[in-house]
PDB file of N, CA and C in Angstrom:
ATOM      1  N   MET A   1      81.907 100.929  57.893  1.00  0.00           N
ATOM      2  CA  MET A   1      82.000  99.763  56.845  1.00  0.00           C
ATOM      3  C   MET A   1      80.535  98.728  57.748  1.00  0.00           C
ATOM      4  N   GLU A   2      79.638  99.021  57.119  1.00  0.00           N
ATOM      5  CA  GLU A   2      78.359  98.071  57.390  1.00  0.00           C
ATOM      6  C   GLU A   2      78.517  96.601  57.416  1.00  0.00           C
ATOM      7  N   VAL A   3      78.561  95.722  58.191  1.00  0.00           N
ATOM      8  CA  VAL A   3      78.900  93.948  58.165  1.00  0.00           C
ATOM      9  C   VAL A   3      77.370  93.746  58.572  1.00  0.00           C
ATOM     10  N   THR A   4      77.024  92.767  57.697  1.00  0.00           N
ATOM     11  CA  THR A   4      75.942  91.794  58.119  1.00  0.00           C
ATOM     12  C   THR A   4      76.038  90.655  58.399  1.00  0.00           C
ATOM     13  N   MET A   5      75.285  89.735  59.588  1.00  0.00           N
ATOM     14  CA  MET A   5      75.509  88.707  60.039  1.00  0.00           C
ATOM     15  C   MET A   5      73.999  87.860  60.667  1.00  0.00           C
ATOM     16  N   SER A   6      74.030  87.001  60.993  1.00  0.00           N
ATOM     17  CA  SER A   6      72.892  85.887  61.226  1.00  0.00           C
ATOM     18  C   SER A   6      72.950  86.890  62.734  1.00  0.00           C
ATOM     19  N   ARG A   7      71.978  86.457  62.872  1.00  0.00           N
ATOM     20  CA  ARG A   7      71.083  87.266  64.612  1.00  0.00           C
ATOM     21  C   ARG A   7      72.151  86.069  65.755  1.00  0.00           C
ATOM     22  N   GLU A   8      72.517  85.027  65.098  1.00  0.00           N
ATOM     23  CA  GLU A   8      72.988  84.385  66.108  1.00  0.00           C
ATOM     24  C   GLU A   8      74.460  84.782  66.620  1.00  0.00           C
ATOM     25  N   THR A   9      75.392  85.369  65.250  1.00  0.00           N
ATOM     26  CA  THR A   9      76.374  85.319  65.313  1.00  0.00           C
ATOM     27  C   THR A   9      76.610  86.702  65.560  1.00  0.00           C
ATOM     28  N   ASP A  10      75.474  87.969  65.512  1.00  0.00           N
ATOM     29  CA  ASP A  10      75.649  88.730  66.330  1.00  0.00           C
ATOM     30  C   ASP A  10      75.217  89.174  67.461  1.00  0.00           C
ATOM     31  N   TRP A  11      74.509  88.601  67.915  1.00  0.00           N
ATOM     32  CA  TRP A  11      74.490  88.093  69.558  1.00  0.00           C
ATOM     33  C   TRP A  11      75.735  87.781  69.989  1.00  0.00           C
ATOM     34  N   MET A  12      76.433  86.592  69.577  1.00  0.00           N
ATOM     35  CA  MET A  12      77.272  86.245  70.250  1.00  0.00           C
ATOM     36  C   MET A  12      78.890  86.753  70.118  1.00  0.00           C
ATOM     37  N   VAL A  13      78.706  88.023  69.036  1.00  0.00           N
ATOM     38  CA  VAL A  13      80.003  88.966  68.877  1.00  0.00           C
ATOM     39  C   VAL A  13      79.440  89.935  70.116  1.00  0.00           C
ATOM     40  N   PHE A  14      78.774  90.403  70.399  1.00  0.00           N
ATOM     41  CA  PHE A  14      77.975  91.303  71.480  1.00  0.00           C
ATOM     42  C   PHE A  14      78.333  91.221  72.743  1.00  0.00           C
ATOM     43  N   GLU A  15      78.156  89.759  72.892  1.00  0.00           N
ATOM     44  CA  GLU A  15      78.250  89.431  74.266  1.00  0.00           C
ATOM     45  C   GLU A  15      79.934  89.473  74.600  1.00  0.00           C
ATOM     46  N   LYS A  16      80.802  88.937  73.626  1.00  0.00           N
ATOM     47  CA  LYS A  16      82.067  89.273  73.366  1.00  0.00           C
ATOM     48  C   LYS A  16      82.802  90.336  74.093  1.00  0.00           C
ATOM     49  N   ALA A  17      82.048  91.667  72.861  1.00  0.00           N
ATOM     50  CA  ALA A  17      82.281  93.292  73.177  1.00  0.00           C
ATOM     51  C   ALA A  17      81.927  93.230  74.739  1.00  0.00           C
ATOM     52  N   VAL A  18      80.729  92.645  74.866  1.00  0.00           N
ATOM     53  CA  VAL A  18      80.819  93.155  76.979  1.00  0.00           C
ATOM     54  C   VAL A  18      81.719  93.015  77.596  1.00  0.00           C
ATOM     55  N   GLU A  19      82.148  91.165  77.757  1.00  0.00           N
ATOM     56  CA  GLU A  19      83.052  90.908  78.254  1.00  0.00           C
ATOM     57  C   GLU A  19      84.261  91.734  78.009  1.00  0.00           C
ATOM     58  N   VAL A  20      84.957  91.658  76.826  1.00  0.00           N
ATOM     59  CA  VAL A  20      86.246  92.469  76.611  1.00  0.00           C
ATOM     60  C   VAL A  20      85.963  93.659  77.481  1.00  0.00           C
ATOM     61  N   THR A  21      85.160  94.586  76.771  1.00  0.00           N
ATOM     62  CA  THR A  21      84.668  95.828  77.323  1.00  0.00           C
ATOM     63  C   THR A  21      84.940  95.863  79.515  1.00  0.00           C
ATOM     64  N   ALA A  22      83.893  94.968  79.802  1.00  0.00           N
ATOM     65  CA  ALA A  22      84.171  95.085  81.121  1.00  0.00           C
ATOM     66  C   ALA A  22      85.610  94.707  81.208  1.00  0.00           C
ATOM     67  N   SER A  23      85.987  93.368  80.859  1.00  0.00           N
ATOM     68  CA  SER A  23      88.142  93.437  81.280  1.00  0.00           C
ATOM     69  C   SER A  23      88.920  94.663  80.515  1.00  0.00           C
ATOM     70  N   ALA A  24      88.307  95.618  79.890  1.00  0.00           N
ATOM     71  CA  ALA A  24      89.490  96.454  79.555  1.00  0.00           C
ATOM     72  C   ALA A  24      89.189  97.724  80.676  1.00  0.00           C
ATOM     73  N   VAL A  25      88.026  98.043  81.098  1.00  0.00           N
ATOM     74  CA  VAL A  25      87.759  98.937  81.825  1.00  0.00           C
ATOM     75  C   VAL A  25      88.438  98.887  83.257  1.00  0.00           C
ATOM     76  N   ARG A  26      87.810  97.546  83.722  1.00  0.00           N
ATOM     77  CA  ARG A  26      88.254  96.834  85.188  1.00  0.00           C
ATOM     78  C   ARG A  26      89.445  97.212  85.592  1.00  0.00           C
ATOM     79  N   GLY A  27      90.369  96.761  83.930  1.00  0.00           N
ATOM     80  CA  GLY A  27      91.657  97.159  83.714  1.00  0.00           C
ATOM     81  C   GLY A  27      92.527  98.175  84.074  1.00  0.00           C
ATOM     82  N   THR A  28      92.043  99.398  84.101  1.00  0.00           N
ATOM     83  CA  THR A  28      92.371 100.877  83.253  1.00  0.00           C
ATOM     84  C   THR A  28      92.825 101.478  85.164  1.00  0.00           C
ATOM     85  N   ALA A  29      93.879 101.982  84.987  1.00  0.00           N
ATOM     86  CA  ALA A  29      94.203 102.432  86.373  1.00  0.00           C
ATOM     87  C   ALA A  29      93.263 103.842  86.889  1.00  0.00           C
ATOM     88  N   GLY A  30      93.233 103.942  87.735  1.00  0.00           N
ATOM     89  CA  GLY A  30      92.588 105.194  88.147  1.00  0.00           C
ATOM     90  C   GLY A  30      91.203 105.210  88.639  1.00  0.00           C
ATOM     91  N   GLY A  31      90.763 103.759  88.890  1.00  0.00           N
ATOM     92  CA  GLY A  31      89.430 103.383  89.365  1.00  0.00           C
ATOM     93  C   GLY A  31      88.534 103.483  88.463  1.00  0.00           C
ATOM     94  N   SER A  32      87.006 103.920  88.503  1.00  0.00           N
ATOM     95  CA  SER A  32      85.654 104.017  87.822  1.00  0.00           C
ATOM     96  C   SER A  32      86.084 104.528  86.567  1.00  0.00           C
ATOM     97  N   GLN A  33      85.738 104.611  85.683  1.00  0.00           N
ATOM     98  CA  GLN A  33      85.442 105.365  84.205  1.00  0.00           C
ATOM     99  C   GLN A  33      84.077 106.033  84.236  1.00  0.00           C
ATOM    100  N   PRO A  34      84.119 107.453  83.178  1.00  0.00           N
ATOM    101  CA  PRO A  34      82.697 107.815  83.001  1.00  0.00           C
ATOM    102  C   PRO A  34      82.235 107.254  82.112  1.00  0.00           C
ATOM    103  N   ALA A  35      80.675 106.756  82.528  1.00  0.00           N
ATOM    104  CA  ALA A  35      79.783 106.194  81.556  1.00  0.00           C
ATOM    105  C   ALA A  35      80.359 106.229  79.638  1.00  0.00           C
ATOM    106  N   SER A  36      80.566 107.768  79.550  1.00  0.00           N
ATOM    107  CA  SER A  36      81.208 107.899  78.340  1.00  0.00           C
ATOM    108  C   SER A  36      82.156 107.184  77.794  1.00  0.00           C
ATOM    109  N   TYR A  37      83.138 107.397  78.290  1.00  0.00           N
ATOM    110  CA  TYR A  37      84.291 106.263  77.965  1.00  0.00           C
ATOM    111  C   TYR A  37      84.341 104.807  77.644  1.00  0.00           C
ATOM    112  N   VAL A  38      83.123 104.153  78.925  1.00  0.00           N
ATOM    113  CA  VAL A  38      83.031 102.716  78.688  1.00  0.00           C
ATOM    114  C   VAL A  38      82.271 102.741  77.247  1.00  0.00           C
ATOM    115  N   GLY A  39      81.118 103.493  77.320  1.00  0.00           N
ATOM    116  CA  GLY A  39      80.059 103.464  75.692  1.00  0.00           C
ATOM    117  C   GLY A  39      81.555 103.440  74.665  1.00  0.00           C
ATOM    118  N   ASP A  40      82.360 104.619  74.638  1.00  0.00           N
ATOM    119  CA  ASP A  40      83.032 104.248  73.550  1.00  0.00           C
ATOM    120  C   ASP A  40      84.249 103.398  73.340  1.00  0.00           C
ATOM    121  N   VAL A  41      84.627 102.753  74.218  1.00  0.00           N
ATOM    122  CA  VAL A  41      85.491 101.457  74.769  1.00  0.00           C
ATOM    123  C   VAL A  41      84.892 100.364  73.998  1.00  0.00           C
ATOM    124  N   PHE A  42      83.401 100.420  74.503  1.00  0.00           N
ATOM    125  CA  PHE A  42      82.203  99.292  73.611  1.00  0.00           C
ATOM    126  C   PHE A  42      82.451  99.367  72.420  1.00  0.00           C
ATOM    127  N   ARG A  43      81.770 100.605  72.124  1.00  0.00           N
ATOM    128  CA  ARG A  43      81.306 101.019  70.098  1.00  0.00           C
ATOM    129  C   ARG A  43      82.866 100.592  69.717  1.00  0.00           C
ATOM    130  N   GLU A  44      83.842 100.834  70.309  1.00  0.00           N
ATOM    131  CA  GLU A  44      85.545 100.466  69.449  1.00  0.00           C
ATOM    132  C   GLU A  44      85.486  99.105  69.195  1.00  0.00           C
ATOM    133  N   ILE A  45      85.024  98.195  70.398  1.00  0.00           N
ATOM    134  CA  ILE A  45      85.409  97.012  70.841  1.00  0.00           C
ATOM    135  C   ILE A  45      84.210  96.413  69.664  1.00  0.00           C
ATOM    136  N   HIS A  46      83.462  96.290  70.047  1.00  0.00           N
ATOM    137  CA  HIS A  46      82.206  95.963  69.318  1.00  0.00           C
ATOM    138  C   HIS A  46      82.481  96.409  67.363  1.00  0.00           C
ATOM    139  N   LYS A  47      82.767  97.358  67.198  1.00  0.00           N
ATOM    140  CA  LYS A  47      82.882  97.378  65.868  1.00  0.00           C
ATOM    141  C   LYS A  47      84.164  96.407  64.973  1.00  0.00           C
ATOM    142  N   ALA A  48      85.536  96.383  65.723  1.00  0.00           N
ATOM    143  CA  ALA A  48      86.180  95.736  65.221  1.00  0.00           C
ATOM    144  C   ALA A  48      86.235  93.880  65.813  1.00  0.00           C
ATOM    145  N   LEU A  49      85.465  93.801  66.610  1.00  0.00           N
ATOM    146  CA  LEU A  49      84.707  92.354  66.738  1.00  0.00           C
ATOM    147  C   LEU A  49      83.933  91.889  65.518  1.00  0.00           C
ATOM    148  N   LYS A  50      82.834  93.041  65.072  1.00  0.00           N
ATOM    149  CA  LYS A  50      82.219  92.438  63.709  1.00  0.00           C
ATOM    150  C   LYS A  50      83.072  92.171  62.547  1.00  0.00           C
ATOM    151  N   GLU A  51      84.060  93.412  62.366  1.00  0.00           N
ATOM    152  CA  GLU A  51      84.603  93.334  61.136  1.00  0.00           C
ATOM    153  C   GLU A  51      85.171  92.169  61.360  1.00  0.00           C
ATOM    154  N   ALA A  52      86.169  92.000  62.291  1.00  0.00           N
ATOM    155  CA  ALA A  52      87.025  90.827  62.110  1.00  0.00           C
ATOM    156  C   ALA A  52      85.974  89.142  62.045  1.00  0.00           C
ATOM    157  N   SER A  53      84.929  89.240  62.155  1.00  0.00           N
ATOM    158  CA  SER A  53      83.618  88.277  62.119  1.00  0.00           C
ATOM    159  C   SER A  53      83.535  88.177  60.697  1.00  0.00           C
ATOM    160  N   ALA A  54      83.524  89.106  60.109  1.00  0.00           N
ATOM    161  CA  ALA A  54      82.959  89.387  58.817  1.00  0.00           C
ATOM    162  C   ALA A  54      84.118  88.749  57.488  1.00  0.00           C
ATOM    163  N   GLU A  55      85.148  88.596  58.175  1.00  0.00           N
ATOM    164  CA  GLU A  55      86.511  88.295  57.580  1.00  0.00           C
ATOM    165  C   GLU A  55      86.816  87.099  57.448  1.00  0.00           C
ATOM    166  N   MET A  56      86.022  85.874  58.353  1.00  0.00           N
ATOM    167  CA  MET A  56      86.391  84.982  59.073  1.00  0.00           C
ATOM    168  C   MET A  56      85.321  83.858  57.274  1.00  0.00           C
ATOM    169  N   PRO A  57      85.310  82.977  57.577  1.00  0.00           N
ATOM    170  CA  PRO A  57      84.383  82.219  56.449  1.00  0.00           C
ATOM    171  C   PRO A  57      83.409  81.529  56.687  1.00  0.00           C
ATOM    172  N   ASP A  58      82.438  81.405  56.255  1.00  0.00           N
ATOM    173  CA  ASP A  58      81.292  81.229  57.087  1.00  0.00           C
ATOM    174  C   ASP A  58      80.872  79.858  57.246  1.00  0.00           C
ATOM    175  N   LYS A  59      81.928  78.536  56.926  1.00  0.00           N
ATOM    176  CA  LYS A  59      81.929  77.749  56.916  1.00  0.00           C
ATOM    177  C   LYS A  59      83.326  76.871  56.871  1.00  0.00           C
ATOM    178  N   ILE A  60      83.615  76.458  57.991  1.00  0.00           N
ATOM    179  CA  ILE A  60      84.903  75.410  57.706  1.00  0.00           C
ATOM    180  C   ILE A  60      84.966  73.775  57.442  1.00  0.00           C
ATOM    181  N   GLY A  61      85.886  73.779  56.339  1.00  0.00           N
ATOM    182  CA  GLY A  61      85.689  72.046  56.113  1.00  0.00           C
ATOM    183  C   GLY A  61      86.108  70.942  56.823  1.00  0.00           C
ATOM    184  N   THR A  62      85.660  70.559  57.022  1.00  0.00           N
ATOM    185  CA  THR A  62      86.664  68.672  57.270  1.00  0.00           C
ATOM    186  C   THR A  62      88.057  68.605  57.280  1.00  0.00           C
ATOM    187  N   THR A  63      89.208  68.817  57.999  1.00  0.00           N
ATOM    188  CA  THR A  63      89.962  69.337  57.865  1.00  0.00           C
ATOM    189  C   THR A  63      90.756  67.365  57.410  1.00  0.00           C
ATOM    190  N   GLY A  64      91.697  67.535  56.754  1.00  0.00           N
ATOM    191  CA  GLY A  64      91.799  66.644  56.098  1.00  0.00           C
ATOM    192  C   GLY A  64      91.215  65.474  55.084  1.00  0.00           C
ATOM    193  N   PHE A  65      90.182  65.813  55.091  1.00  0.00           N
ATOM    194  CA  PHE A  65      89.318  64.848  54.123  1.00  0.00           C
ATOM    195  C   PHE A  65      88.737  66.044  53.052  1.00  0.00           C
ATOM    196  N   ALA A  66      89.363  65.320  52.201  1.00  0.00           N
ATOM    197  CA  ALA A  66      88.814  66.225  50.460  1.00  0.00           C
ATOM    198  C   ALA A  66      87.554  65.411  49.958  1.00  0.00           C
ATOM    199  N   ALA A  67      86.878  65.986  49.359  1.00  0.00           N
ATOM    200  CA  ALA A  67      85.930  65.761  48.529  1.00  0.00           C
ATOM    201  C   ALA A  67      86.511  64.519  47.222  1.00  0.00           C
ATOM    202  N   GLN A  68      85.940  63.708  47.297  1.00  0.00           N
ATOM    203  CA  GLN A  68      85.924  62.469  46.758  1.00  0.00           C
ATOM    204  C   GLN A  68      84.843  62.327  45.763  1.00  0.00           C
ATOM    205  N   GLY A  69      85.068  62.433  44.111  1.00  0.00           N
ATOM    206  CA  GLY A  69      84.059  62.080  43.201  1.00  0.00           C
ATOM    207  C   GLY A  69      84.150  61.535  42.373  1.00  0.00           C
TER     208      GLY A  69
END
């Protein structure tokens, strides 16, 4: 599934994927992991975050206020 988003949003998702990957790999038992494992973890996390962000609404309305007309 190809997800399209603004460059700013894509960058934020990328940064969060890096954070989550680092945390996940650091927390794995057995010490350091091979680069291929880290790459696989990153790709899956990045893909999941992009899909989740695509399902979120573009704009969130002001809570509690309805448009009056």
